[in-house]
């Protein structure tokens, strides 16, 4: 989110209605594009034994949803690592008022519409009520100084995105989630689904503060660092996963596409993780990146790895990962406007603020071809290129609009910043933010390495994948079935094309930016830039 609007963001997952966010599911009758012939089998060879299509043919478990949340104090917990390799041991730190509890491991995906499969369930484990949050005075960082309560082996767990559900046994009925990724050892030949865990943590106000507000409810009391050593307050412990990632994951797995799985921390830490990958998939809200993550994605893009951004405000904040007593990469540091006070910056490390800002400016457009435009907006999505191959099957017409699809944040082409070309503008949607007119852009680009790039330009893209019916009301921001059918079809087209590396070489773009913007970044025909 832009530094001129760090305040309340109820539309972005923190206060958007946990109960609604958990009700996920595509209508059974909705057609979803199938995988390209040969792609799944080739990917299965590259991936070894793991096969997304075969995994999703296994019986699902529709009971993964939380139905009796209870008060947060009744049960909550976190894992000591955001991701593990298959077979590694995962430690949990759980606090509960109940005498005992169970842990159920659900792998999230499609599974015939059930959206999850029960992979493992514990016996009853002894409960322990752990201390309240601790707060570090210098950074106002909240964390849970809790004991380990369980160690879980993951032998036999297939790689993927998991929600561990904690259920009380005895005492007050309550449930909470703990998200964890069973990451892929190699991404060769596959598209990498990246869980944006740093962004989840930035909006996690467990313990009283996140990177936006603190205990006083004002920006000045916000945290300067946030910790993974605490439960997620959002969505009964699921963070932002159910809102901005699960719908995209379900669609990709339903298509049987070749997927690998990682967190943003893994991409930052593992220099070779993206080697040989077909694409990197950035979900609906992927704002906070470390310099290492950006460098590794840039290098992969330069080697022909496609990049699909199914949201807006991607790669906007520069952060640093630091260790905690629990292990490495457990703290997200982001001082923002106060970057000069960051001890790391004083030691010569990169500033932890917006990538585009001085000192050390690196505008996100050099990677994404678009720039973050701002918050908040709510506007119709307007089609500019109905003839484009990515819109095949949508039946859209030039100028056709989809109500509420642009929001709550947006991206646009902005030639005032470094912008790789050629770019094709698929949608060019008028928006007004705080009285100022601009445009939100959906773009496709082909890069010199042969990589293809897709950027949706709106944060509601992934949420809209769930939209059905006539819309209206506050659920899904009023998105209707027309918007959902459109984004599901376009997303399917992107995924099928990007399942093979160097999609830009096979589908070269023909630049049409001049139809919409002048060389100074102003909309075509305007007097000055916006």
Protein backbone atom coordinates (compact mmCIF):
# COMPACT_ATOMS: atom_id res chain seq x y z
CA UNK A 1 0.00 0.00 0.00
CA UNK A 2 1.22 3.48 -0.85
CA UNK A 3 2.92 5.56 1.80
CA UNK A 4 0.33 8.32 1.45
CA UNK A 5 -2.43 5.98 2.56
CA UNK A 6 -1.13 3.59 5.19
CA UNK A 7 -4.33 3.88 7.20
CA UNK A 8 -7.37 1.65 7.56
CA UNK A 9 -7.66 -1.04 4.94
CA UNK A 10 -10.71 -3.07 5.85
CA UNK A 11 -11.03 -4.15 2.21
CA UNK A 12 -7.64 -5.85 2.16
CA UNK A 13 -8.14 -8.86 4.36
CA UNK A 14 -7.58 -7.59 7.89
CA UNK A 15 -11.20 -6.71 8.62
CA UNK A 16 -12.92 -8.06 5.55
CA UNK A 17 -15.07 -10.61 7.33
CA UNK A 18 -13.35 -13.89 8.31
CA UNK A 19 -16.53 -15.93 8.09
CA UNK A 20 -17.14 -14.87 4.49
CA UNK A 21 -13.51 -15.37 3.54
CA UNK A 22 -13.61 -19.03 4.50
CA UNK A 23 -16.50 -19.96 2.21
CA UNK A 24 -14.64 -20.87 -0.95
CA UNK A 25 -15.72 -22.86 -3.95
CA UNK A 26 -16.24 -22.71 -7.69
CA UNK A 27 -19.68 -23.68 -8.93
CA UNK A 28 -19.56 -27.27 -10.07
CA UNK A 29 -20.96 -26.39 -13.49
CA UNK A 30 -18.34 -23.72 -14.31
CA UNK A 31 -16.11 -24.72 -17.20
CA UNK A 32 -12.39 -24.40 -16.48
CA UNK A 33 -9.78 -24.48 -19.28
CA UNK A 34 -7.92 -27.75 -19.37
CA UNK A 35 -4.17 -28.18 -19.36
CA UNK A 36 -2.34 -28.01 -22.68
CA UNK A 37 -1.83 -31.41 -24.28
CA UNK A 38 1.44 -32.90 -23.10
CA UNK A 39 2.13 -30.30 -20.43
CA UNK A 40 1.01 -32.34 -17.43
CA UNK A 41 2.84 -35.49 -18.46
CA UNK A 42 6.05 -33.63 -19.23
CA UNK A 43 5.83 -31.80 -15.93
CA UNK A 44 5.19 -35.02 -14.06
CA UNK A 45 8.49 -36.42 -15.37
CA UNK A 46 10.34 -33.25 -14.38
CA UNK A 47 8.74 -33.20 -10.95
CA UNK A 48 9.50 -36.82 -10.13
CA UNK A 49 6.77 -38.73 -8.34
CA UNK A 50 4.53 -35.78 -7.55
CA UNK A 51 1.61 -35.29 -9.93
CA UNK A 52 -0.88 -32.47 -9.29
CA UNK A 53 -3.61 -34.08 -11.38
CA UNK A 54 -3.29 -37.47 -9.65
CA UNK A 55 -3.20 -35.82 -6.23
CA UNK A 56 -6.44 -33.97 -6.90
CA UNK A 57 -8.20 -37.17 -7.92
CA UNK A 58 -7.83 -38.39 -4.34
CA UNK A 59 -10.84 -38.04 -2.01
CA UNK A 60 -11.35 -34.54 -0.67
CA UNK A 61 -12.52 -33.48 2.77
CA UNK A 62 -15.11 -30.72 2.78
CA UNK A 63 -14.97 -30.55 6.59
CA UNK A 64 -11.71 -28.55 6.56
CA UNK A 65 -13.58 -25.30 7.19
CA UNK A 66 -13.79 -23.84 10.67
CA UNK A 67 -17.35 -24.07 11.96
CA UNK A 68 -16.88 -23.36 15.67
CA UNK A 69 -14.14 -20.77 15.98
CA UNK A 70 -14.75 -19.90 19.62
CA UNK A 71 -12.74 -17.14 21.31
CA UNK A 72 -9.14 -16.72 20.23
CA UNK A 73 -7.83 -17.44 23.71
CA UNK A 74 -9.44 -20.90 23.62
CA UNK A 75 -6.91 -22.18 21.09
CA UNK A 76 -4.31 -20.62 18.79
CA UNK A 77 -0.87 -21.52 17.55
CA UNK A 78 1.94 -21.13 15.05
CA UNK A 79 4.60 -23.23 13.37
CA UNK A 80 8.29 -22.63 13.93
CA UNK A 81 8.89 -22.55 10.16
CA UNK A 82 6.83 -21.15 7.30
CA UNK A 83 7.81 -24.09 5.10
CA UNK A 84 9.38 -27.53 5.29
CA UNK A 85 10.55 -30.05 2.73
CA UNK A 86 8.53 -33.27 2.55
CA UNK A 87 9.65 -35.55 5.38
CA UNK A 88 11.05 -32.83 7.61
CA UNK A 89 9.78 -32.32 11.14
CA UNK A 90 7.62 -29.32 11.95
CA UNK A 91 7.30 -27.93 15.48
CA UNK A 92 4.09 -26.31 16.70
CA UNK A 93 3.62 -23.89 19.58
CA UNK A 94 0.01 -23.99 20.69
CA UNK A 95 -1.81 -22.25 23.51
CA UNK A 96 -5.19 -23.49 24.67
CA UNK A 97 -7.51 -23.36 27.65
CA UNK A 98 -8.66 -26.90 26.84
CA UNK A 99 -7.18 -30.00 28.49
CA UNK A 100 -6.20 -31.33 25.07
CA UNK A 101 -6.43 -30.68 21.35
CA UNK A 102 -5.91 -32.33 17.97
CA UNK A 103 -4.09 -31.24 14.83
CA UNK A 104 -5.51 -32.03 11.37
CA UNK A 105 -3.33 -31.40 8.32
CA UNK A 106 -5.32 -30.40 5.23
CA UNK A 107 -3.59 -30.03 1.89
CA UNK A 108 -5.39 -27.29 -0.02
CA UNK A 109 -6.26 -27.65 -3.70
CA UNK A 110 -9.30 -28.61 -5.80
CA UNK A 111 -10.25 -32.21 -4.93
CA UNK A 112 -13.50 -32.25 -6.89
CA UNK A 113 -14.65 -29.04 -5.28
CA UNK A 114 -13.98 -30.07 -1.67
CA UNK A 115 -10.94 -27.77 -1.79
CA UNK A 116 -8.83 -29.81 0.64
CA UNK A 117 -7.66 -33.32 1.49
CA UNK A 118 -7.06 -34.61 5.00
CA UNK A 119 -3.46 -35.88 4.92
CA UNK A 120 -2.90 -36.55 8.63
CA UNK A 121 -4.57 -36.18 12.02
CA UNK A 122 -2.99 -36.41 15.45
CA UNK A 123 -4.22 -38.16 18.53
CA UNK A 124 -5.28 -35.88 21.39
CA UNK A 125 -2.31 -33.81 22.58
CA UNK A 126 -1.98 -32.27 26.06
CA UNK A 127 -3.14 -28.65 26.23
CA UNK A 128 -1.13 -25.78 27.70
CA UNK A 129 -2.18 -22.18 28.30
CA UNK A 130 0.77 -20.03 27.25
CA UNK A 131 1.66 -16.40 28.14
CA UNK A 132 0.18 -13.31 26.51
CA UNK A 133 2.04 -11.49 23.75
CA UNK A 134 5.34 -9.83 24.50
CA UNK A 135 6.25 -6.54 22.82
CA UNK A 136 9.73 -5.30 21.99
CA UNK A 137 9.92 -1.66 23.04
CA UNK A 138 12.29 -0.41 20.33
CA UNK A 139 10.29 -1.70 17.35
CA UNK A 140 6.87 -2.33 18.95
CA UNK A 141 7.10 -5.89 17.58
CA UNK A 142 4.72 -8.39 19.18
CA UNK A 143 5.64 -12.04 19.52
CA UNK A 144 4.66 -15.13 21.49
CA UNK A 145 7.35 -16.53 23.79
CA UNK A 146 5.78 -19.96 23.80
CA UNK A 147 7.06 -23.46 24.41
CA UNK A 148 6.99 -26.16 21.78
CA UNK A 149 3.93 -28.30 22.30
CA UNK A 150 4.15 -30.76 19.39
CA UNK A 151 6.57 -32.04 16.79
CA UNK A 152 4.99 -33.34 13.60
CA UNK A 153 6.72 -35.50 11.01
CA UNK A 154 5.73 -34.85 7.42
CA UNK A 155 6.82 -38.16 5.88
CA UNK A 156 4.34 -39.00 3.13
CA UNK A 157 2.93 -35.48 2.92
CA UNK A 158 2.86 -34.32 -0.71
CA UNK A 159 4.25 -30.90 -1.43
CA UNK A 160 1.69 -28.11 -1.44
CA UNK A 161 -0.10 -25.46 0.63
CA UNK A 162 -1.49 -26.68 3.96
CA UNK A 163 -3.80 -25.48 6.67
CA UNK A 164 -3.28 -27.27 9.97
CA UNK A 165 -6.50 -27.08 11.96
CA UNK A 166 -6.34 -27.02 15.73
CA UNK A 167 -9.45 -28.40 17.51
CA UNK A 168 -10.00 -28.30 21.25
CA UNK A 169 -10.92 -31.55 22.99
CA UNK A 170 -12.89 -30.90 26.13
CA UNK A 171 -13.41 -27.45 27.54
CA UNK A 172 -14.74 -24.69 25.29
CA UNK A 173 -15.23 -25.74 21.65
CA UNK A 174 -12.82 -23.78 19.44
CA UNK A 175 -10.81 -24.12 16.21
CA UNK A 176 -7.95 -22.23 14.58
CA UNK A 177 -5.71 -22.63 11.54
CA UNK A 178 -1.94 -22.71 11.25
CA UNK A 179 -0.74 -22.31 7.63
CA UNK A 180 2.40 -24.05 6.44
CA UNK A 181 3.92 -24.83 3.04
CA UNK A 182 5.44 -28.20 2.20
CA UNK A 183 7.82 -26.77 -0.34
CA UNK A 184 9.24 -28.28 -3.49
CA UNK A 185 12.90 -29.22 -3.58
CA UNK A 186 13.03 -28.34 -7.28
CA UNK A 187 10.87 -26.19 -9.54
CA UNK A 188 12.33 -27.45 -12.83
CA UNK A 189 9.66 -27.64 -15.51
CA UNK A 190 6.93 -26.35 -13.20
CA UNK A 191 5.16 -23.13 -12.30
CA UNK A 192 6.04 -21.97 -8.79
CA UNK A 193 3.07 -21.01 -6.62
CA UNK A 194 4.48 -18.54 -4.09
CA UNK A 195 2.79 -17.99 -0.72
CA UNK A 196 3.26 -14.30 0.11
CA UNK A 197 3.93 -14.91 3.81
CA UNK A 198 5.79 -11.63 4.43
CA UNK A 199 2.67 -9.75 3.33
CA UNK A 200 0.47 -11.96 5.51
CA UNK A 201 2.66 -11.00 8.46
CA UNK A 202 2.66 -7.29 7.59
CA UNK A 203 -1.14 -7.27 8.11
CA UNK A 204 -1.15 -9.53 11.16
CA UNK A 205 -2.19 -7.51 14.22
CA UNK A 206 -1.94 -10.35 16.73
CA UNK A 207 -0.49 -8.88 19.90
CA UNK A 208 -1.77 -5.38 19.12
CA UNK A 209 0.26 -4.09 16.17
CA UNK A 210 1.20 -4.71 12.55
CA UNK A 211 3.17 -2.68 10.01
CA UNK A 212 0.25 -0.25 9.62
CA UNK A 213 -1.25 0.44 13.05
CA UNK A 214 -0.49 -0.19 16.68
CA UNK A 215 -2.25 -0.25 19.99
CA UNK A 216 -3.40 3.37 19.66
CA UNK A 217 -4.91 2.66 16.22
CA UNK A 218 -2.61 5.26 14.69
CA UNK A 219 0.27 5.00 12.25
CA UNK A 220 2.75 6.34 14.80
CA UNK A 221 2.27 3.30 17.02
CA UNK A 222 2.74 0.72 14.27
CA UNK A 223 5.42 -1.96 14.42
CA UNK A 224 8.74 -1.39 12.67
CA UNK A 225 9.28 -5.15 12.60
CA UNK A 226 6.82 -8.03 12.75
CA UNK A 227 7.38 -11.59 13.88
CA UNK A 228 6.43 -15.00 12.53
CA UNK A 229 6.62 -16.22 16.13
CA UNK A 230 2.91 -15.62 16.76
CA UNK A 231 -0.45 -16.80 15.44
CA UNK A 232 -2.20 -15.02 12.61
CA UNK A 233 -5.15 -12.97 13.79
CA UNK A 234 -6.73 -12.83 10.33
CA UNK A 235 -9.24 -15.41 9.12
CA UNK A 236 -9.07 -17.60 12.25
CA UNK A 237 -5.33 -18.05 11.83
CA UNK A 238 -5.13 -18.48 8.04
CA UNK A 239 -3.61 -15.05 7.43
CA UNK A 240 -4.35 -13.75 3.93
CA UNK A 241 -4.19 -17.19 2.30
CA UNK A 242 -7.92 -17.87 1.94
CA UNK A 243 -8.66 -14.47 0.40
CA UNK A 244 -5.77 -13.81 -1.96
CA UNK A 245 -4.29 -17.24 -2.73
CA UNK A 246 -6.59 -20.24 -2.22
CA UNK A 247 -8.93 -19.42 -5.16
CA UNK A 248 -5.98 -19.25 -7.57
CA UNK A 249 -4.48 -22.44 -6.15
CA UNK A 250 -7.78 -24.30 -6.56
CA UNK A 251 -8.11 -23.21 -10.19
CA UNK A 252 -4.54 -24.19 -11.06
CA UNK A 253 -4.82 -27.57 -9.37
CA UNK A 254 -8.22 -28.22 -10.94
CA UNK A 255 -6.54 -27.76 -14.32
CA UNK A 256 -3.92 -30.37 -13.40
CA UNK A 257 -1.12 -27.95 -14.10
CA UNK A 258 2.53 -28.66 -13.21
CA UNK A 259 3.06 -26.78 -9.95
CA UNK A 260 5.84 -26.33 -7.44
CA UNK A 261 5.32 -24.68 -4.05
CA UNK A 262 7.34 -22.17 -2.06
CA UNK A 263 7.07 -19.12 0.14
CA UNK A 264 8.61 -15.75 -0.61
CA UNK A 265 11.15 -16.52 2.10
CA UNK A 266 12.19 -19.67 0.22
CA UNK A 267 12.60 -17.71 -3.02
CA UNK A 268 14.79 -15.21 -1.14
CA UNK A 269 16.90 -17.85 0.63
CA UNK A 270 17.38 -20.45 -2.12
CA UNK A 271 19.45 -19.03 -4.97
CA UNK A 272 18.69 -21.91 -7.32
CA UNK A 273 15.06 -22.58 -6.42
CA UNK A 274 13.72 -21.01 -9.62
CA UNK A 275 16.30 -22.64 -11.89
CA UNK A 276 14.55 -24.28 -14.83
CA UNK A 277 11.08 -23.20 -13.67
CA UNK A 278 8.40 -22.50 -16.23
CA UNK A 279 6.87 -19.56 -14.36
CA UNK A 280 6.47 -17.83 -11.04
CA UNK A 281 2.91 -17.16 -9.90
CA UNK A 282 2.42 -14.16 -7.62
CA UNK A 283 -0.98 -14.21 -5.89
CA UNK A 284 -3.47 -11.42 -5.19
CA UNK A 285 -1.54 -9.56 -2.48
CA UNK A 286 2.24 -9.89 -2.66
CA UNK A 287 3.46 -6.51 -1.46
CA UNK A 288 6.49 -7.17 0.76
CA UNK A 289 9.68 -8.52 -0.85
CA UNK A 290 13.28 -8.71 0.30
CA UNK A 291 16.10 -7.58 -2.04
CA UNK A 292 17.18 -11.21 -2.33
CA UNK A 293 13.72 -12.34 -3.43
CA UNK A 294 13.58 -9.61 -6.05
CA UNK A 295 17.09 -10.40 -7.28
CA UNK A 296 16.35 -14.11 -7.68
CA UNK A 297 13.07 -13.45 -9.50
CA UNK A 298 14.78 -10.94 -11.77
CA UNK A 299 17.51 -13.45 -12.58
CA UNK A 300 14.93 -16.13 -13.31
CA UNK A 301 12.99 -13.76 -15.57
CA UNK A 302 16.25 -13.02 -17.37
CA UNK A 303 16.62 -16.76 -17.98
CA UNK A 304 13.18 -17.05 -19.58
CA UNK A 305 10.99 -17.85 -16.56
CA UNK A 306 7.53 -16.37 -17.04
CA UNK A 307 6.02 -14.13 -14.37
CA UNK A 308 2.29 -13.86 -13.68
CA UNK A 309 1.06 -11.27 -11.16
CA UNK A 310 -2.58 -11.97 -10.26
CA UNK A 311 -3.00 -8.87 -8.14
CA UNK A 312 -1.72 -5.33 -7.65
CA UNK A 313 0.77 -3.58 -5.35
CA UNK A 314 3.26 -6.41 -5.95
CA UNK A 315 6.93 -6.00 -4.96
CA UNK A 316 6.22 -2.58 -3.48
CA UNK A 317 7.90 -2.67 -0.06
CA UNK A 318 11.53 -3.62 0.50
CA UNK A 319 11.99 -5.67 3.68
CA UNK A 320 14.74 -7.54 5.48
CA UNK A 321 14.40 -10.97 7.07
CA UNK A 322 16.12 -11.53 10.41
CA UNK A 323 16.40 -14.46 12.80
CA UNK A 324 14.58 -14.93 16.08
CA UNK A 325 15.19 -17.35 18.92
CA UNK A 326 13.01 -19.83 17.01
CA UNK A 327 15.19 -19.82 13.89
CA UNK A 328 16.27 -17.93 10.76
CA UNK A 329 14.03 -15.60 8.74
CA UNK A 330 11.46 -15.21 11.50
CA UNK A 331 11.32 -11.39 11.57
CA UNK A 332 10.17 -9.01 8.81
CA UNK A 333 11.83 -5.60 9.14
CA UNK A 334 10.21 -2.62 7.38
CA UNK A 335 10.77 0.87 8.82
CA UNK A 336 9.07 2.63 5.86
CA UNK A 337 9.27 6.43 6.35
CA UNK A 338 11.52 5.88 9.37
CA UNK A 339 14.10 3.86 7.38
CA UNK A 340 16.97 6.13 8.48
CA UNK A 341 16.40 4.93 12.06
CA UNK A 342 16.77 1.27 11.06
CA UNK A 343 19.96 -0.16 12.66
CA UNK A 344 20.42 -2.32 9.59
CA UNK A 345 20.37 0.70 7.29
CA UNK A 346 22.91 2.38 9.53
CA UNK A 347 25.15 -0.66 9.06
CA UNK A 348 24.96 -0.24 5.30
CA UNK A 349 22.08 -2.57 4.44
CA UNK A 350 19.40 -1.52 1.92
CA UNK A 351 16.68 0.81 3.22
CA UNK A 352 13.50 -0.95 4.32
CA UNK A 353 10.92 1.22 2.59
CA UNK A 354 9.27 1.44 -0.85
CA UNK A 355 11.43 0.00 -3.63
CA UNK A 356 10.81 3.06 -5.81
CA UNK A 357 11.99 5.60 -3.25
CA UNK A 358 15.40 7.13 -2.64
CA UNK A 359 17.91 6.14 -1.52
CA UNK A 360 18.55 3.09 -3.72
CA UNK A 361 15.42 3.43 -5.91
CA UNK A 362 14.37 0.29 -7.80
CA UNK A 363 10.92 0.99 -9.28
CA UNK A 364 8.82 -2.16 -9.45
CA UNK A 365 8.05 -1.45 -13.12
CA UNK A 366 11.51 -2.65 -14.14
CA UNK A 367 10.37 -6.15 -13.15
CA UNK A 368 6.57 -5.97 -13.56
CA UNK A 369 6.07 -3.45 -16.42
CA UNK A 370 3.52 -1.64 -14.22
CA UNK A 371 3.66 0.69 -11.21
CA UNK A 372 1.49 0.69 -8.15
CA UNK A 373 -1.17 3.39 -8.49
CA UNK A 374 -2.72 3.74 -5.06
CA UNK A 375 -5.46 3.01 -2.53
CA UNK A 376 -8.44 3.06 -2.27
CA UNK A 377 -10.31 2.67 -5.54
CA UNK A 378 -13.50 0.92 -6.59
CA UNK A 379 -14.23 0.98 -10.31
CA UNK A 380 -15.48 -1.05 -13.27
CA UNK A 381 -12.90 -3.05 -15.22
CA UNK A 382 -12.94 -1.93 -18.87
CA UNK A 383 -11.78 -4.24 -21.69
CA UNK A 384 -9.43 -2.68 -24.24
CA UNK A 385 -8.28 -5.69 -26.33
CA UNK A 386 -11.07 -8.25 -26.70
CA UNK A 387 -9.18 -9.74 -29.68
CA UNK A 388 -6.16 -10.65 -27.56
CA UNK A 389 -5.39 -14.34 -27.22
CA UNK A 390 -5.48 -14.11 -23.41
CA UNK A 391 -9.16 -13.12 -23.69
CA UNK A 392 -10.05 -16.06 -25.92
CA UNK A 393 -13.24 -17.68 -24.70
CA UNK A 394 -14.43 -14.70 -22.65
CA UNK A 395 -16.80 -13.34 -25.31
CA UNK A 396 -15.85 -9.85 -24.12
CA UNK A 397 -16.33 -6.81 -26.33
CA UNK A 398 -14.26 -3.63 -26.58
CA UNK A 399 -15.38 -1.23 -23.87
CA UNK A 400 -17.30 -3.90 -21.96
CA UNK A 401 -17.03 -3.40 -18.22
CA UNK A 402 -17.20 -5.55 -15.09
CA UNK A 403 -18.50 -3.75 -12.01
CA UNK A 404 -16.22 -3.49 -8.95
CA UNK A 405 -13.46 -5.61 -10.48
CA UNK A 406 -10.89 -2.83 -10.07
CA UNK A 407 -10.06 -2.33 -6.40
CA UNK A 408 -9.10 -1.87 -3.70
CA UNK A 409 -5.66 -1.06 -5.10
CA UNK A 410 -4.48 -0.85 -8.68
CA UNK A 411 -1.44 -0.81 -10.99
CA UNK A 412 -0.89 1.07 -14.23
CA UNK A 413 1.65 1.53 -16.99
CA UNK A 414 3.76 4.56 -16.09
CA UNK A 415 6.44 5.50 -18.59
CA UNK A 416 8.03 7.96 -16.18
CA UNK A 417 9.70 4.90 -14.68
CA UNK A 418 11.83 2.15 -16.30
CA UNK A 419 9.37 0.00 -18.26
CA UNK A 420 10.36 -3.00 -20.39
CA UNK A 421 8.65 -3.21 -23.78
CA UNK A 422 6.81 -4.37 -25.81
CA UNK A 423 3.59 -4.23 -23.78
CA UNK A 424 0.01 -4.95 -24.79
CA UNK A 425 -2.70 -3.26 -22.70
CA UNK A 426 -5.61 -5.69 -22.37
CA UNK A 427 -7.77 -3.54 -20.09
CA UNK A 428 -7.60 0.22 -19.43
CA UNK A 429 -9.99 1.14 -16.64
CA UNK A 430 -10.66 4.70 -15.45
CA UNK A 431 -10.29 5.11 -11.68
CA UNK A 432 -10.51 8.02 -9.27
CA UNK A 433 -8.46 7.97 -6.08
CA UNK A 434 -8.91 10.77 -3.59
CA UNK A 435 -10.30 13.01 -6.31
CA UNK A 436 -7.51 12.32 -8.81
CA UNK A 437 -8.20 10.52 -12.09
CA UNK A 438 -6.01 7.71 -13.37
CA UNK A 439 -6.24 4.29 -15.03
CA UNK A 440 -5.78 0.68 -13.97
CA UNK A 441 -4.10 -1.50 -16.60
CA UNK A 442 -4.00 -5.23 -17.26
CA UNK A 443 -0.95 -5.97 -19.40
CA UNK A 444 0.89 -8.70 -21.24
CA UNK A 445 4.54 -8.28 -22.21
CA UNK A 446 7.21 -10.31 -23.95
CA UNK A 447 10.72 -9.72 -22.65
CA UNK A 448 14.14 -10.04 -24.34
CA UNK A 449 14.81 -13.33 -22.52
CA UNK A 450 11.67 -14.77 -24.08
CA UNK A 451 9.82 -14.66 -20.76
CA UNK A 452 6.18 -13.72 -20.79
CA UNK A 453 4.69 -11.37 -18.23
CA UNK A 454 1.08 -10.93 -17.14
CA UNK A 455 -0.01 -8.30 -14.62
CA UNK A 456 -3.68 -8.11 -13.64
CA UNK A 457 -3.50 -4.53 -12.34
CA UNK A 458 -6.20 -5.01 -9.67
CA UNK A 459 -6.08 -6.57 -6.22
CA UNK A 460 -9.53 -8.10 -6.62
CA UNK A 461 -8.52 -10.48 -9.41
CA UNK A 462 -8.04 -13.58 -7.25
CA UNK A 463 -11.07 -12.80 -5.10
CA UNK A 464 -13.17 -12.53 -8.26
CA UNK A 465 -12.34 -16.12 -9.19
CA UNK A 466 -14.93 -17.05 -6.54
CA UNK A 467 -17.65 -14.74 -7.86
CA UNK A 468 -20.94 -16.29 -9.00
CA UNK A 469 -24.52 -15.14 -9.33
CA UNK A 470 -25.72 -11.57 -9.62
CA UNK A 471 -23.39 -9.93 -7.10
CA UNK A 472 -24.57 -7.01 -5.05
CA UNK A 473 -24.24 -6.45 -1.34
CA UNK A 474 -20.91 -6.47 0.47
CA UNK A 475 -19.90 -10.08 -0.15
CA UNK A 476 -16.95 -10.18 -2.57
CA UNK A 477 -17.32 -6.39 -2.96
CA UNK A 478 -20.38 -6.82 -5.19
CA UNK A 479 -18.49 -8.84 -7.82
CA UNK A 480 -20.89 -10.87 -9.94
CA UNK A 481 -20.79 -14.04 -11.99
CA UNK A 482 -19.87 -12.19 -15.19
CA UNK A 483 -16.69 -10.93 -13.56
CA UNK A 484 -15.93 -14.37 -12.16
CA UNK A 485 -16.41 -16.12 -15.50
CA UNK A 486 -14.18 -13.53 -17.18
CA UNK A 487 -11.29 -13.76 -14.72
CA UNK A 488 -11.45 -17.56 -14.52
CA UNK A 489 -11.18 -17.81 -18.30
CA UNK A 490 -8.34 -15.29 -18.60
CA UNK A 491 -6.49 -16.87 -15.68
CA UNK A 492 -6.81 -20.28 -17.30
CA UNK A 493 -5.39 -18.89 -20.55
CA UNK A 494 -2.45 -17.35 -18.68
CA UNK A 495 -1.69 -20.55 -16.78
CA UNK A 496 -1.86 -22.78 -19.84
CA UNK A 497 0.51 -20.51 -21.78
CA UNK A 498 2.90 -19.95 -18.88
CA UNK A 499 3.16 -23.67 -18.08
CA UNK A 500 6.00 -23.67 -20.61
CA UNK A 501 8.92 -21.29 -20.13
CA UNK A 502 9.60 -18.44 -22.57
CA UNK A 503 5.93 -17.89 -23.35
CA UNK A 504 6.89 -14.48 -24.69
CA UNK A 505 8.93 -16.07 -27.44
CA UNK A 506 6.01 -18.20 -28.52
CA UNK A 507 3.54 -15.32 -28.09
CA UNK A 508 5.45 -12.07 -28.82
CA UNK A 509 3.69 -8.87 -27.83
CA UNK A 510 3.09 -6.02 -30.26
CA UNK A 511 3.40 -2.80 -28.31
CA UNK A 512 0.23 -0.71 -28.11
CA UNK A 513 1.02 1.53 -25.13
CA UNK A 514 0.90 4.64 -27.34
CA UNK A 515 -2.83 4.09 -27.75
CA UNK A 516 -3.22 4.87 -24.05
CA UNK A 517 -0.23 6.90 -22.84
CA UNK A 518 2.12 9.56 -24.09
CA UNK A 519 5.88 9.40 -23.63
CA UNK A 520 5.56 11.54 -20.48
CA UNK A 521 3.29 8.97 -18.85
CA UNK A 522 0.13 11.01 -19.35
CA UNK A 523 -2.95 9.33 -20.79
CA UNK A 524 -3.13 9.78 -24.55
CA UNK A 525 -4.63 13.18 -25.30
CA UNK A 526 -4.09 14.52 -21.76
CA UNK A 527 -2.15 17.68 -20.98
CA UNK A 528 0.00 16.30 -18.17
CA UNK A 529 0.81 13.05 -16.35
CA UNK A 530 -1.43 11.54 -13.69
